[in-house]
PDB file of N, CA and C in Angstrom:
ATOM      1  N   MET A   1      32.022 -11.013 175.859  1.00  0.00           N
ATOM      2  CA  MET A   1      31.163 -10.548 174.782  1.00  0.00           C
ATOM      3  C   MET A   1      31.605 -11.164 173.458  1.00  0.00           C
ATOM      4  N   SER A   2      30.634 -11.525 172.677  1.00  0.00           N
ATOM      5  CA  SER A   2      30.947 -12.087 171.374  1.00  0.00           C
ATOM      6  C   SER A   2      30.704 -11.035 170.297  1.00  0.00           C
ATOM      7  N   ASN A   3      31.116 -11.338 169.115  1.00  0.00           N
ATOM      8  CA  ASN A   3      30.944 -10.395 168.008  1.00  0.00           C
ATOM      9  C   ASN A   3      29.478 -10.225 167.625  1.00  0.00           C
ATOM     10  N   ALA A   4      28.637 -11.176 167.956  1.00  0.00           N
ATOM     11  CA  ALA A   4      27.220 -11.085 167.620  1.00  0.00           C
ATOM     12  C   ALA A   4      26.522 -10.019 168.461  1.00  0.00           C
ATOM     13  N   ASP A   5      27.051  -9.747 169.662  1.00  0.00           N
ATOM     14  CA  ASP A   5      26.423  -8.750 170.528  1.00  0.00           C
ATOM     15  C   ASP A   5      26.723  -7.323 170.082  1.00  0.00           C
ATOM     16  N   GLN A   6      27.885  -7.118 169.471  1.00  0.00           N
ATOM     17  CA  GLN A   6      28.275  -5.774 169.078  1.00  0.00           C
ATOM     18  C   GLN A   6      27.713  -5.435 167.696  1.00  0.00           C
ATOM     19  N   PRO A   7      27.245  -4.176 167.509  1.00  0.00           N
ATOM     20  CA  PRO A   7      26.738  -3.799 166.184  1.00  0.00           C
ATOM     21  C   PRO A   7      27.866  -3.720 165.167  1.00  0.00           C
ATOM     22  N   LYS A   8      27.545  -4.002 163.924  1.00  0.00           N
ATOM     23  CA  LYS A   8      28.540  -3.969 162.860  1.00  0.00           C
ATOM     24  C   LYS A   8      28.939  -2.521 162.587  1.00  0.00           C
ATOM     25  N   LYS A   9      30.230  -2.270 162.432  1.00  0.00           N
ATOM     26  CA  LYS A   9      30.696  -0.918 162.142  1.00  0.00           C
ATOM     27  C   LYS A   9      30.443  -0.612 160.672  1.00  0.00           C
ATOM     28  N   VAL A  10      29.797   0.539 160.440  1.00  0.00           N
ATOM     29  CA  VAL A  10      29.472   0.939 159.084  1.00  0.00           C
ATOM     30  C   VAL A  10      30.158   2.272 158.809  1.00  0.00           C
ATOM     31  N   SER A  11      30.765   2.383 157.651  1.00  0.00           N
ATOM     32  CA  SER A  11      31.438   3.639 157.323  1.00  0.00           C
ATOM     33  C   SER A  11      30.406   4.725 157.053  1.00  0.00           C
ATOM     34  N   LEU A  12      30.835   5.942 157.186  1.00  0.00           N
ATOM     35  CA  LEU A  12      29.943   7.080 156.976  1.00  0.00           C
ATOM     36  C   LEU A  12      29.423   7.103 155.541  1.00  0.00           C
ATOM     37  N   GLN A  13      30.251   6.753 154.594  1.00  0.00           N
ATOM     38  CA  GLN A  13      29.847   6.734 153.190  1.00  0.00           C
ATOM     39  C   GLN A  13      28.732   5.713 152.956  1.00  0.00           C
ATOM     40  N   GLU A  14      28.874   4.526 153.542  1.00  0.00           N
ATOM     41  CA  GLU A  14      27.841   3.506 153.397  1.00  0.00           C
ATOM     42  C   GLU A  14      26.544   3.941 154.063  1.00  0.00           C
ATOM     43  N   LEU A  15      26.672   4.568 155.222  1.00  0.00           N
ATOM     44  CA  LEU A  15      25.500   5.040 155.941  1.00  0.00           C
ATOM     45  C   LEU A  15      24.739   6.083 155.126  1.00  0.00           C
ATOM     46  N   MET A  16      25.461   7.012 154.515  1.00  0.00           N
ATOM     47  CA  MET A  16      24.828   8.051 153.701  1.00  0.00           C
ATOM     48  C   MET A  16      24.154   7.448 152.467  1.00  0.00           C
ATOM     49  N   LYS A  17      24.775   6.444 151.877  1.00  0.00           N
ATOM     50  CA  LYS A  17      24.167   5.776 150.729  1.00  0.00           C
ATOM     51  C   LYS A  17      22.866   5.094 151.125  1.00  0.00           C
ATOM     52  N   GLN A  18      22.859   4.459 152.297  1.00  0.00           N
ATOM     53  CA  GLN A  18      21.642   3.799 152.783  1.00  0.00           C
ATOM     54  C   GLN A  18      20.540   4.812 153.042  1.00  0.00           C
ATOM     55  N   LYS A  19      20.897   5.934 153.685  1.00  0.00           N
ATOM     56  CA  LYS A  19      19.918   6.980 153.975  1.00  0.00           C
ATOM     57  C   LYS A  19      19.323   7.528 152.687  1.00  0.00           C
ATOM     58  N   LEU A  20      20.162   7.782 151.688  1.00  0.00           N
ATOM     59  CA  LEU A  20      19.699   8.312 150.415  1.00  0.00           C
ATOM     60  C   LEU A  20      18.779   7.317 149.712  1.00  0.00           C
ATOM     61  N   ALA A  21      19.134   6.041 149.754  1.00  0.00           N
ATOM     62  CA  ALA A  21      18.300   5.014 149.133  1.00  0.00           C
ATOM     63  C   ALA A  21      16.943   4.937 149.833  1.00  0.00           C
ATOM     64  N   ASP A  22      16.942   5.004 151.171  1.00  0.00           N
ATOM     65  CA  ASP A  22      15.682   4.972 151.917  1.00  0.00           C
ATOM     66  C   ASP A  22      14.823   6.183 151.582  1.00  0.00           C
ATOM     67  N   LYS A  23      15.456   7.335 151.481  1.00  0.00           N
ATOM     68  CA  LYS A  23      14.742   8.576 151.182  1.00  0.00           C
ATOM     69  C   LYS A  23      14.100   8.505 149.795  1.00  0.00           C
ATOM     70  N   GLN A  24      14.854   8.024 148.816  1.00  0.00           N
ATOM     71  CA  GLN A  24      14.328   7.913 147.463  1.00  0.00           C
ATOM     72  C   GLN A  24      13.213   6.886 147.388  1.00  0.00           C
ATOM     73  N   GLN A  25      13.348   5.820 148.156  1.00  0.00           N
ATOM     74  CA  GLN A  25      12.328   4.777 148.139  1.00  0.00           C
ATOM     75  C   GLN A  25      11.021   5.297 148.721  1.00  0.00           C
ATOM     76  N   THR A  26      11.082   6.029 149.828  1.00  0.00           N
ATOM     77  CA  THR A  26       9.863   6.570 150.422  1.00  0.00           C
ATOM     78  C   THR A  26       9.273   7.652 149.530  1.00  0.00           C
ATOM     79  N   LYS A  27      10.117   8.413 148.856  1.00  0.00           N
ATOM     80  CA  LYS A  27       9.636   9.457 147.948  1.00  0.00           C
ATOM     81  C   LYS A  27       8.892   8.827 146.775  1.00  0.00           C
ATOM     82  N   ASN A  28       9.459   7.761 146.207  1.00  0.00           N
ATOM     83  CA  ASN A  28       8.834   7.092 145.075  1.00  0.00           C
ATOM     84  C   ASN A  28       7.555   6.376 145.491  1.00  0.00           C
ATOM     85  N   ALA A  29       7.518   5.861 146.697  1.00  0.00           N
ATOM     86  CA  ALA A  29       6.331   5.141 147.162  1.00  0.00           C
ATOM     87  C   ALA A  29       5.162   6.093 147.371  1.00  0.00           C
ATOM     88  N   GLY A  30       5.437   7.289 147.873  1.00  0.00           N
ATOM     89  CA  GLY A  30       4.369   8.229 148.159  1.00  0.00           C
ATOM     90  C   GLY A  30       4.051   9.172 147.021  1.00  0.00           C
ATOM     91  N   GLN A  31       4.758   9.072 145.923  1.00  0.00           N
ATOM     92  CA  GLN A  31       4.586  10.024 144.831  1.00  0.00           C
ATOM     93  C   GLN A  31       3.211   9.906 144.173  1.00  0.00           C
ATOM     94  N   GLY A  32       2.709   8.725 143.970  1.00  0.00           N
ATOM     95  CA  GLY A  32       1.410   8.539 143.328  1.00  0.00           C
ATOM     96  C   GLY A  32       0.282   9.117 144.156  1.00  0.00           C
ATOM     97  N   HIS A  33       0.367   8.987 145.467  1.00  0.00           N
ATOM     98  CA  HIS A  33      -0.688   9.480 146.339  1.00  0.00           C
ATOM     99  C   HIS A  33      -0.716  10.997 146.368  1.00  0.00           C
ATOM    100  N   LYS A  34       0.442  11.633 146.343  1.00  0.00           N
ATOM    101  CA  LYS A  34       0.508  13.093 146.399  1.00  0.00           C
ATOM    102  C   LYS A  34      -0.117  13.718 145.156  1.00  0.00           C
ATOM    103  N   MET A  35       0.156  13.133 144.000  1.00  0.00           N
ATOM    104  CA  MET A  35      -0.368  13.695 142.759  1.00  0.00           C
ATOM    105  C   MET A  35      -1.893  13.579 142.719  1.00  0.00           C
ATOM    106  N   ALA A  36      -2.428  12.487 143.201  1.00  0.00           N
ATOM    107  CA  ALA A  36      -3.872  12.289 143.200  1.00  0.00           C
ATOM    108  C   ALA A  36      -4.541  13.277 144.148  1.00  0.00           C
ATOM    109  N   ALA A  37      -3.915  13.540 145.283  1.00  0.00           N
ATOM    110  CA  ALA A  37      -4.486  14.456 146.263  1.00  0.00           C
ATOM    111  C   ALA A  37      -4.466  15.887 145.745  1.00  0.00           C
ATOM    112  N   LYS A  38      -3.427  16.269 145.039  1.00  0.00           N
ATOM    113  CA  LYS A  38      -3.337  17.635 144.522  1.00  0.00           C
ATOM    114  C   LYS A  38      -4.358  17.878 143.419  1.00  0.00           C
ATOM    115  N   SER A  39      -4.584  16.921 142.560  1.00  0.00           N
ATOM    116  CA  SER A  39      -5.501  17.127 141.444  1.00  0.00           C
ATOM    117  C   SER A  39      -6.951  17.194 141.924  1.00  0.00           C
ATOM    118  N   ALA A  40      -7.251  16.643 143.091  1.00  0.00           N
ATOM    119  CA  ALA A  40      -8.613  16.637 143.592  1.00  0.00           C
ATOM    120  C   ALA A  40      -8.987  17.960 144.256  1.00  0.00           C
ATOM    121  N   GLN A  41      -8.011  18.799 144.590  1.00  0.00           N
ATOM    122  CA  GLN A  41      -8.308  20.055 145.258  1.00  0.00           C
ATOM    123  C   GLN A  41      -8.869  21.062 144.256  1.00  0.00           C
ATOM    124  N   PRO A  42      -9.876  21.827 144.657  1.00  0.00           N
ATOM    125  CA  PRO A  42     -10.427  22.839 143.745  1.00  0.00           C
ATOM    126  C   PRO A  42      -9.448  23.989 143.565  1.00  0.00           C
ATOM    127  N   LEU A  43      -9.502  24.617 142.410  1.00  0.00           N
ATOM    128  CA  LEU A  43      -8.615  25.741 142.145  1.00  0.00           C
ATOM    129  C   LEU A  43      -9.099  26.962 142.907  1.00  0.00           C
ATOM    130  N   GLN A  44      -8.165  27.754 143.393  1.00  0.00           N
ATOM    131  CA  GLN A  44      -8.515  28.949 144.147  1.00  0.00           C
ATOM    132  C   GLN A  44      -8.062  30.179 143.389  1.00  0.00           C
ATOM    133  N   SER A  45      -8.760  31.268 143.595  1.00  0.00           N
ATOM    134  CA  SER A  45      -8.388  32.525 142.969  1.00  0.00           C
ATOM    135  C   SER A  45      -7.079  33.018 143.559  1.00  0.00           C
ATOM    136  N   GLN A  46      -6.272  33.653 142.743  1.00  0.00           N
ATOM    137  CA  GLN A  46      -5.006  34.188 143.226  1.00  0.00           C
ATOM    138  C   GLN A  46      -5.140  35.652 143.618  1.00  0.00           C
ATOM    139  N   GLN A  47      -6.343  36.202 143.600  1.00  0.00           N
ATOM    140  CA  GLN A  47      -6.566  37.604 143.930  1.00  0.00           C
ATOM    141  C   GLN A  47      -6.946  37.768 145.392  1.00  0.00           C
ATOM    142  N   THR A  48      -6.236  37.117 146.274  1.00  0.00           N
ATOM    143  CA  THR A  48      -6.551  37.210 147.695  1.00  0.00           C
ATOM    144  C   THR A  48      -5.722  38.283 148.386  1.00  0.00           C
ATOM    145  N   LYS A  49      -4.682  38.777 147.742  1.00  0.00           N
ATOM    146  CA  LYS A  49      -3.804  39.756 148.360  1.00  0.00           C
ATOM    147  C   LYS A  49      -4.454  41.141 148.307  1.00  0.00           C
ATOM    148  N   LYS A  50      -4.438  41.825 149.423  1.00  0.00           N
ATOM    149  CA  LYS A  50      -5.014  43.166 149.454  1.00  0.00           C
ATOM    150  C   LYS A  50      -4.091  44.144 148.737  1.00  0.00           C
ATOM    151  N   ARG A  51      -4.683  45.101 148.077  1.00  0.00           N
ATOM    152  CA  ARG A  51      -3.923  46.086 147.327  1.00  0.00           C
ATOM    153  C   ARG A  51      -3.250  47.067 148.284  1.00  0.00           C
ATOM    154  N   ASN A  52      -2.040  47.469 147.936  1.00  0.00           N
ATOM    155  CA  ASN A  52      -1.297  48.426 148.754  1.00  0.00           C
ATOM    156  C   ASN A  52      -1.812  49.825 148.431  1.00  0.00           C
ATOM    157  N   ASN A  53      -2.434  50.465 149.419  1.00  0.00           N
ATOM    158  CA  ASN A  53      -2.972  51.810 149.182  1.00  0.00           C
ATOM    159  C   ASN A  53      -2.190  52.859 149.965  1.00  0.00           C
ATOM    160  N   GLN A  54      -0.889  52.646 150.109  1.00  0.00           N
ATOM    161  CA  GLN A  54      -0.051  53.579 150.865  1.00  0.00           C
ATOM    162  C   GLN A  54       0.022  54.936 150.170  1.00  0.00           C
ATOM    163  N   ARG A  55       0.088  54.940 148.843  1.00  0.00           N
ATOM    164  CA  ARG A  55       0.140  56.225 148.125  1.00  0.00           C
ATOM    165  C   ARG A  55      -1.129  57.029 148.366  1.00  0.00           C
ATOM    166  N   LYS A  56      -2.230  56.332 148.361  1.00  0.00           N
ATOM    167  CA  LYS A  56      -3.520  57.008 148.583  1.00  0.00           C
ATOM    168  C   LYS A  56      -3.575  57.606 149.993  1.00  0.00           C
ATOM    169  N   ARG A  57      -3.073  56.865 150.955  1.00  0.00           N
ATOM    170  CA  ARG A  57      -3.110  57.331 152.349  1.00  0.00           C
ATOM    171  C   ARG A  57      -2.160  58.497 152.595  1.00  0.00           C
ATOM    172  N   THR A  58      -0.978  58.456 151.956  1.00  0.00           N
ATOM    173  CA  THR A  58       0.012  59.495 152.232  1.00  0.00           C
ATOM    174  C   THR A  58      -0.143  60.684 151.308  1.00  0.00           C
ATOM    175  N   GLY A  59      -0.926  60.590 150.252  1.00  0.00           N
ATOM    176  CA  GLY A  59      -1.147  61.708 149.338  1.00  0.00           C
ATOM    177  C   GLY A  59      -0.009  61.954 148.390  1.00  0.00           C
ATOM    178  N   VAL A  60       0.790  60.920 148.079  1.00  0.00           N
ATOM    179  CA  VAL A  60       1.921  61.103 147.153  1.00  0.00           C
ATOM    180  C   VAL A  60       1.441  60.864 145.745  1.00  0.00           C
TER     181      VAL A  60
END
C-alpha cells in the first residue's frame, strides 16, 4: 500500500473548524432565500388559543 491509498489523518480541531466553516457557508448561502420566503407569508391572527374556562366549569 502506498500513502496515496490511505486517507490523510486530520486532527479533531481541524475537523471541527472545517465543519463550522461548512455550516456557516451553507447558512450564509441560504439566508437570502429564507428571508424572502418569510416576508411573502400572510400574517395570521394570534388569537387562536382557546380560553381556559376551568373556573367557570368548577364554580370557583
